[in-house]
Amino acid sequence: MHSLSLSEWISAVSYLGGGLVFSIIYVKEKEKENIYYPLLVHILGNSLSFMILVISNM
């Protein structure tokens, strides 16, 4: 974080939450030796963000 503004803290919380979710998914799927499920969740999350960005700029 480069400053102490509120938006920086909100972003940090969202990244922390996302990191925890991806870590939990990875640990649960690691037992099955399946890396594709966490990758799929990551791709879907990025796709959703991209679609929101595109729609908001129309």
Protein backbone atom coordinates (compact mmCIF):
# COMPACT_ATOMS: atom_id res chain seq x y z
CA MET A 1 0.00 0.00 0.00
CA HIS A 2 1.31 3.36 -0.96
CA SER A 3 -0.90 5.56 1.16
CA LEU A 4 -3.24 5.41 4.10
CA SER A 5 -6.35 6.42 2.16
CA LEU A 6 -9.58 4.51 2.68
CA SER A 7 -9.64 3.16 -0.87
CA GLU A 8 -6.24 1.52 -0.35
CA TRP A 9 -7.48 -0.27 2.77
CA ILE A 10 -10.66 -1.42 1.04
CA SER A 11 -8.59 -2.83 -1.82
CA ALA A 12 -6.29 -4.59 0.64
CA VAL A 13 -9.25 -6.25 2.35
CA SER A 14 -10.66 -7.47 -0.97
CA TYR A 15 -7.28 -8.90 -2.02
CA LEU A 16 -6.92 -10.59 1.37
CA GLY A 17 -10.37 -12.16 1.02
CA GLY A 18 -9.64 -13.37 -2.50
CA GLY A 19 -6.31 -14.80 -1.42
CA LEU A 20 -7.92 -16.70 1.43
CA VAL A 21 -10.63 -18.13 -0.83
CA PHE A 22 -8.11 -19.26 -3.45
CA SER A 23 -5.88 -20.76 -0.74
CA ILE A 24 -8.75 -22.75 0.75
CA ILE A 25 -9.79 -24.02 -2.68
CA TYR A 26 -6.21 -25.00 -3.46
CA VAL A 27 -5.70 -26.87 -0.18
CA LYS A 28 -8.99 -28.76 -0.54
CA GLU A 29 -8.27 -29.72 -4.15
CA LYS A 30 -4.59 -30.50 -3.48
CA GLU A 31 -5.62 -33.78 -1.86
CA LYS A 32 -7.20 -34.81 -5.18
CA GLU A 33 -4.17 -33.51 -7.11
CA ASN A 34 -6.48 -31.32 -9.18
CA ILE A 35 -5.06 -27.88 -9.98
CA TYR A 36 -7.72 -27.18 -12.62
CA TYR A 37 -10.51 -26.25 -10.20
CA PRO A 38 -8.60 -23.35 -8.58
CA LEU A 39 -7.49 -22.22 -12.04
CA LEU A 40 -11.08 -22.30 -13.28
CA VAL A 41 -12.27 -20.23 -10.32
CA HIS A 42 -9.50 -17.72 -10.98
CA ILE A 43 -10.36 -17.48 -14.68
CA LEU A 44 -14.06 -17.02 -13.91
CA GLY A 45 -13.28 -14.27 -11.40
CA ASN A 46 -11.11 -12.43 -13.89
CA SER A 47 -13.72 -12.86 -16.63
CA LEU A 48 -16.42 -11.42 -14.40
CA SER A 49 -14.26 -8.41 -13.57
CA PHE A 50 -13.47 -7.89 -17.25
CA MET A 51 -17.15 -8.07 -18.25
CA ILE A 52 -18.08 -5.53 -15.57
CA LEU A 53 -15.32 -3.22 -16.81
CA VAL A 54 -16.47 -3.51 -20.44
CA ILE A 55 -20.15 -3.00 -19.59
CA SER A 56 -19.42 0.00 -17.38
CA ASN A 57 -17.52 1.70 -20.23
CA MET A 58 -20.35 1.35 -22.77
